[in-house]
Amino acid sequence: MPTVMVQAQVPGAPRAAYELAKDMEAYPRFMKDVVYLKVLQREEYAQVSEWHARFQGKILRWKERDVFDDKALTITYQQTEGDLRKFEGQWTFQGEAGGTRIALSVDFDLGIPMLAPLLDPVARLVVKKNCEDMLAGMRAQLEA
């Protein structure tokens, strides 16, 4: 199962970047591959969200449970249903000189074991590019 990890430095305090990441319903406004995102259920430190995102010319759909740790400034997510066999990961936000280091990890399984040796390397590159685009969108929002 492929894992992707990306990092970016963004301006501002970790709390500001974390709060932007928590506002997931805003993602379609500044993340080009997120076509639709709706929070279906809200709890004090978690939510269930529905996503539609572009992936190699197709639209992937899934629901995920997002868990927020406001003290540690982390967001952990896990697909509860959707097009992939597995889709989960974590966001972290750490202060450093000149701003905040955002790290995003994604662990996924396309669910096609026979073709995994062929598809997984390509999927890893596409997911990495999507993650980098997400962080670039966040950087642009925080710079504005």
C-alpha atoms as a PDB file:
ATOM      1  CA  MET A   1       0.000   0.000   0.000  1.00  0.00           C
ATOM      2  CA  PRO A   2       1.509   3.319  -1.052  1.00  0.00           C
ATOM      3  CA  THR A   3       2.224   6.094   1.413  1.00  0.00           C
ATOM      4  CA  VAL A   4       2.830   9.696   0.417  1.00  0.00           C
ATOM      5  CA  MET A   5       4.331  12.350   2.674  1.00  0.00           C
ATOM      6  CA  VAL A   6       4.672  15.998   1.681  1.00  0.00           C
ATOM      7  CA  GLN A   7       5.757  19.075   3.614  1.00  0.00           C
ATOM      8  CA  ALA A   8       5.683  22.801   3.008  1.00  0.00           C
ATOM      9  CA  GLN A   9       6.590  25.916   4.890  1.00  0.00           C
ATOM     10  CA  VAL A  10       3.839  28.519   5.000  1.00  0.00           C
ATOM     11  CA  PRO A  11       3.743  32.002   6.524  1.00  0.00           C
ATOM     12  CA  GLY A  12       2.151  32.698   9.871  1.00  0.00           C
ATOM     13  CA  ALA A  13       1.535  30.881  13.110  1.00  0.00           C
ATOM     14  CA  PRO A  14       0.768  27.145  13.313  1.00  0.00           C
ATOM     15  CA  ARG A  15      -2.688  27.857  14.793  1.00  0.00           C
ATOM     16  CA  ALA A  16      -3.695  29.912  11.721  1.00  0.00           C
ATOM     17  CA  ALA A  17      -2.637  27.132   9.322  1.00  0.00           C
ATOM     18  CA  TYR A  18      -4.369  24.513  11.473  1.00  0.00           C
ATOM     19  CA  GLU A  19      -7.626  26.507  11.560  1.00  0.00           C
ATOM     20  CA  LEU A  20      -7.501  26.917   7.772  1.00  0.00           C
ATOM     21  CA  ALA A  21      -7.064  23.146   7.373  1.00  0.00           C
ATOM     22  CA  LYS A  22      -9.997  22.502   9.722  1.00  0.00           C
ATOM     23  CA  ASP A  23     -12.254  24.652   7.498  1.00  0.00           C
ATOM     24  CA  MET A  24     -12.542  21.859   4.950  1.00  0.00           C
ATOM     25  CA  GLU A  25     -15.705  23.161   3.304  1.00  0.00           C
ATOM     26  CA  ALA A  26     -13.583  26.083   2.028  1.00  0.00           C
ATOM     27  CA  TYR A  27     -11.161  23.766   0.172  1.00  0.00           C
ATOM     28  CA  PRO A  28     -12.979  23.830  -3.201  1.00  0.00           C
ATOM     29  CA  ARG A  29     -12.397  27.614  -3.344  1.00  0.00           C
ATOM     30  CA  PHE A  30      -8.604  27.275  -3.358  1.00  0.00           C
ATOM     31  CA  MET A  31      -7.798  23.629  -4.162  1.00  0.00           C
ATOM     32  CA  LYS A  32      -8.426  22.927  -7.840  1.00  0.00           C
ATOM     33  CA  ASP A  33      -8.764  19.138  -7.530  1.00  0.00           C
ATOM     34  CA  VAL A  34     -11.396  19.281  -4.775  1.00  0.00           C
ATOM     35  CA  VAL A  35     -14.648  19.513  -6.710  1.00  0.00           C
ATOM     36  CA  TYR A  36     -17.086  19.105  -3.802  1.00  0.00           C
ATOM     37  CA  LEU A  37     -16.720  18.905  -0.054  1.00  0.00           C
ATOM     38  CA  LYS A  38     -19.491  18.914   2.525  1.00  0.00           C
ATOM     39  CA  VAL A  39     -19.379  18.314   6.251  1.00  0.00           C
ATOM     40  CA  LEU A  40     -22.170  15.841   6.998  1.00  0.00           C
ATOM     41  CA  GLN A  41     -21.818  15.575  10.759  1.00  0.00           C
ATOM     42  CA  ARG A  42     -20.035  17.733  13.338  1.00  0.00           C
ATOM     43  CA  GLU A  43     -18.909  16.741  16.808  1.00  0.00           C
ATOM     44  CA  GLU A  44     -16.794  18.647  19.316  1.00  0.00           C
ATOM     45  CA  TYR A  45     -13.459  17.265  18.079  1.00  0.00           C
ATOM     46  CA  ALA A  46     -14.432  15.363  14.933  1.00  0.00           C
ATOM     47  CA  GLN A  47     -16.540  15.449  11.827  1.00  0.00           C
ATOM     48  CA  VAL A  48     -17.663  13.299   8.933  1.00  0.00           C
ATOM     49  CA  SER A  49     -17.066  14.864   5.535  1.00  0.00           C
ATOM     50  CA  GLU A  50     -17.984  13.888   1.983  1.00  0.00           C
ATOM     51  CA  TRP A  51     -15.452  14.509  -0.773  1.00  0.00           C
ATOM     52  CA  HIS A  52     -15.420  14.497  -4.576  1.00  0.00           C
ATOM     53  CA  ALA A  53     -11.954  15.089  -6.054  1.00  0.00           C
ATOM     54  CA  ARG A  54     -10.284  14.798  -9.451  1.00  0.00           C
ATOM     55  CA  PHE A  55      -7.855  11.916  -9.820  1.00  0.00           C
ATOM     56  CA  GLN A  56      -6.326  11.320 -13.261  1.00  0.00           C
ATOM     57  CA  GLY A  57      -9.331  12.679 -15.142  1.00  0.00           C
ATOM     58  CA  LYS A  58     -11.876  10.844 -12.999  1.00  0.00           C
ATOM     59  CA  ILE A  59     -13.852  11.924  -9.956  1.00  0.00           C
ATOM     60  CA  LEU A  60     -13.168   9.917  -6.798  1.00  0.00           C
ATOM     61  CA  ARG A  61     -15.833  10.003  -4.083  1.00  0.00           C
ATOM     62  CA  TRP A  62     -15.483   9.122  -0.424  1.00  0.00           C
ATOM     63  CA  LYS A  63     -16.581   9.921   3.094  1.00  0.00           C
ATOM     64  CA  GLU A  64     -14.051  10.316   5.855  1.00  0.00           C
ATOM     65  CA  ARG A  65     -13.941  10.834   9.582  1.00  0.00           C
ATOM     66  CA  ASP A  66     -11.727  13.765  10.535  1.00  0.00           C
ATOM     67  CA  VAL A  67     -10.444  13.956  14.113  1.00  0.00           C
ATOM     68  CA  PHE A  68      -9.061  17.274  15.414  1.00  0.00           C
ATOM     69  CA  ASP A  69      -6.511  17.605  18.203  1.00  0.00           C
ATOM     70  CA  ASP A  70      -6.563  21.323  18.996  1.00  0.00           C
ATOM     71  CA  LYS A  71      -3.695  21.034  21.507  1.00  0.00           C
ATOM     72  CA  ALA A  72      -1.279  19.039  19.346  1.00  0.00           C
ATOM     73  CA  LEU A  73      -2.450  20.823  16.156  1.00  0.00           C
ATOM     74  CA  THR A  74      -3.066  17.604  14.249  1.00  0.00           C
ATOM     75  CA  ILE A  75      -5.849  16.359  12.030  1.00  0.00           C
ATOM     76  CA  THR A  76      -6.213  12.623  11.497  1.00  0.00           C
ATOM     77  CA  TYR A  77      -8.531  11.319   8.801  1.00  0.00           C
ATOM     78  CA  GLN A  78      -9.778   7.914   7.679  1.00  0.00           C
ATOM     79  CA  GLN A  79     -12.095   6.959   4.850  1.00  0.00           C
ATOM     80  CA  THR A  80     -15.311   5.375   6.106  1.00  0.00           C
ATOM     81  CA  GLU A  81     -16.677   4.555   2.644  1.00  0.00           C
ATOM     82  CA  GLY A  82     -15.741   5.325  -0.910  1.00  0.00           C
ATOM     83  CA  ASP A  83     -13.969   4.428  -4.112  1.00  0.00           C
ATOM     84  CA  LEU A  84     -10.667   3.313  -2.568  1.00  0.00           C
ATOM     85  CA  ARG A  85     -10.059   0.302  -0.364  1.00  0.00           C
ATOM     86  CA  LYS A  86      -8.089   2.458   2.085  1.00  0.00           C
ATOM     87  CA  PHE A  87      -7.493   6.194   2.397  1.00  0.00           C
ATOM     88  CA  GLU A  88      -6.183   7.694   5.632  1.00  0.00           C
ATOM     89  CA  GLY A  89      -3.508   9.968   6.984  1.00  0.00           C
ATOM     90  CA  GLN A  90      -2.627  12.957   9.095  1.00  0.00           C
ATOM     91  CA  TRP A  91      -1.881  16.676   8.987  1.00  0.00           C
ATOM     92  CA  THR A  92       0.598  18.226  11.439  1.00  0.00           C
ATOM     93  CA  PHE A  93       1.448  21.903  11.993  1.00  0.00           C
ATOM     94  CA  GLN A  94       4.730  22.927  13.652  1.00  0.00           C
ATOM     95  CA  GLY A  95       6.172  26.373  14.194  1.00  0.00           C
ATOM     96  CA  GLU A  96       9.594  27.076  12.765  1.00  0.00           C
ATOM     97  CA  ALA A  97      11.631  30.129  11.849  1.00  0.00           C
ATOM     98  CA  GLY A  98       9.686  32.193   9.369  1.00  0.00           C
ATOM     99  CA  GLY A  99       6.330  30.454   9.744  1.00  0.00           C
ATOM    100  CA  THR A 100       4.819  27.001   9.987  1.00  0.00           C
ATOM    101  CA  ARG A 101       5.841  23.601   8.671  1.00  0.00           C
ATOM    102  CA  ILE A 102       2.797  21.659   7.442  1.00  0.00           C
ATOM    103  CA  ALA A 103       3.265  17.916   6.959  1.00  0.00           C
ATOM    104  CA  LEU A 104       0.609  15.826   5.243  1.00  0.00           C
ATOM    105  CA  SER A 105       0.704  12.038   5.044  1.00  0.00           C
ATOM    106  CA  VAL A 106      -1.601   9.849   2.963  1.00  0.00           C
ATOM    107  CA  ASP A 107      -1.764   6.048   3.148  1.00  0.00           C
ATOM    108  CA  PHE A 108      -3.962   4.528   0.452  1.00  0.00           C
ATOM    109  CA  ASP A 109      -4.871   1.313  -1.325  1.00  0.00           C
ATOM    110  CA  LEU A 110      -6.536   1.387  -4.739  1.00  0.00           C
ATOM    111  CA  GLY A 111      -8.036  -2.040  -4.080  1.00  0.00           C
ATOM    112  CA  ILE A 112      -6.729  -3.777  -7.199  1.00  0.00           C
ATOM    113  CA  PRO A 113      -4.092  -6.216  -5.874  1.00  0.00           C
ATOM    114  CA  MET A 114      -3.324  -7.875  -9.215  1.00  0.00           C
ATOM    115  CA  LEU A 115      -2.434  -4.513 -10.806  1.00  0.00           C
ATOM    116  CA  ALA A 116      -0.828  -2.909  -7.748  1.00  0.00           C
ATOM    117  CA  PRO A 117       2.777  -3.272  -9.013  1.00  0.00           C
ATOM    118  CA  LEU A 118       1.801  -1.350 -12.153  1.00  0.00           C
ATOM    119  CA  LEU A 119      -0.717   1.151 -10.757  1.00  0.00           C
ATOM    120  CA  ASP A 120       0.682   2.013  -7.318  1.00  0.00           C
ATOM    121  CA  PRO A 121       3.779   3.915  -8.539  1.00  0.00           C
ATOM    122  CA  VAL A 122       1.649   6.055 -10.856  1.00  0.00           C
ATOM    123  CA  ALA A 123      -0.997   6.597  -8.170  1.00  0.00           C
ATOM    124  CA  ARG A 124       1.705   7.593  -5.678  1.00  0.00           C
ATOM    125  CA  LEU A 125       2.931  10.315  -8.060  1.00  0.00           C
ATOM    126  CA  VAL A 126      -0.597  11.608  -8.679  1.00  0.00           C
ATOM    127  CA  VAL A 127      -1.468  11.646  -4.952  1.00  0.00           C
ATOM    128  CA  LYS A 128       1.827  13.407  -4.193  1.00  0.00           C
ATOM    129  CA  LYS A 129       1.070  16.087  -6.805  1.00  0.00           C
ATOM    130  CA  ASN A 130      -2.460  16.530  -5.407  1.00  0.00           C
ATOM    131  CA  CYS A 131      -1.060  16.902  -1.875  1.00  0.00           C
ATOM    132  CA  GLU A 132       1.527  19.427  -3.042  1.00  0.00           C
ATOM    133  CA  ASP A 133      -1.227  21.387  -4.800  1.00  0.00           C
ATOM    134  CA  MET A 134      -3.291  21.345  -1.571  1.00  0.00           C
ATOM    135  CA  LEU A 135      -0.378  22.762   0.410  1.00  0.00           C
ATOM    136  CA  ALA A 136       0.266  25.382  -2.292  1.00  0.00           C
ATOM    137  CA  GLY A 137      -3.380  26.422  -2.082  1.00  0.00           C
ATOM    138  CA  MET A 138      -3.124  26.729   1.683  1.00  0.00           C
ATOM    139  CA  ARG A 139       0.072  28.775   1.355  1.00  0.00           C
ATOM    140  CA  ALA A 140      -1.671  31.170  -1.049  1.00  0.00           C
ATOM    141  CA  GLN A 141      -4.602  31.568   1.366  1.00  0.00           C
ATOM    142  CA  LEU A 142      -2.287  32.263   4.299  1.00  0.00           C
ATOM    143  CA  GLU A 143      -0.266  34.793   2.274  1.00  0.00           C
ATOM    144  CA  ALA A 144      -3.404  36.682   1.230  1.00  0.00           C
END
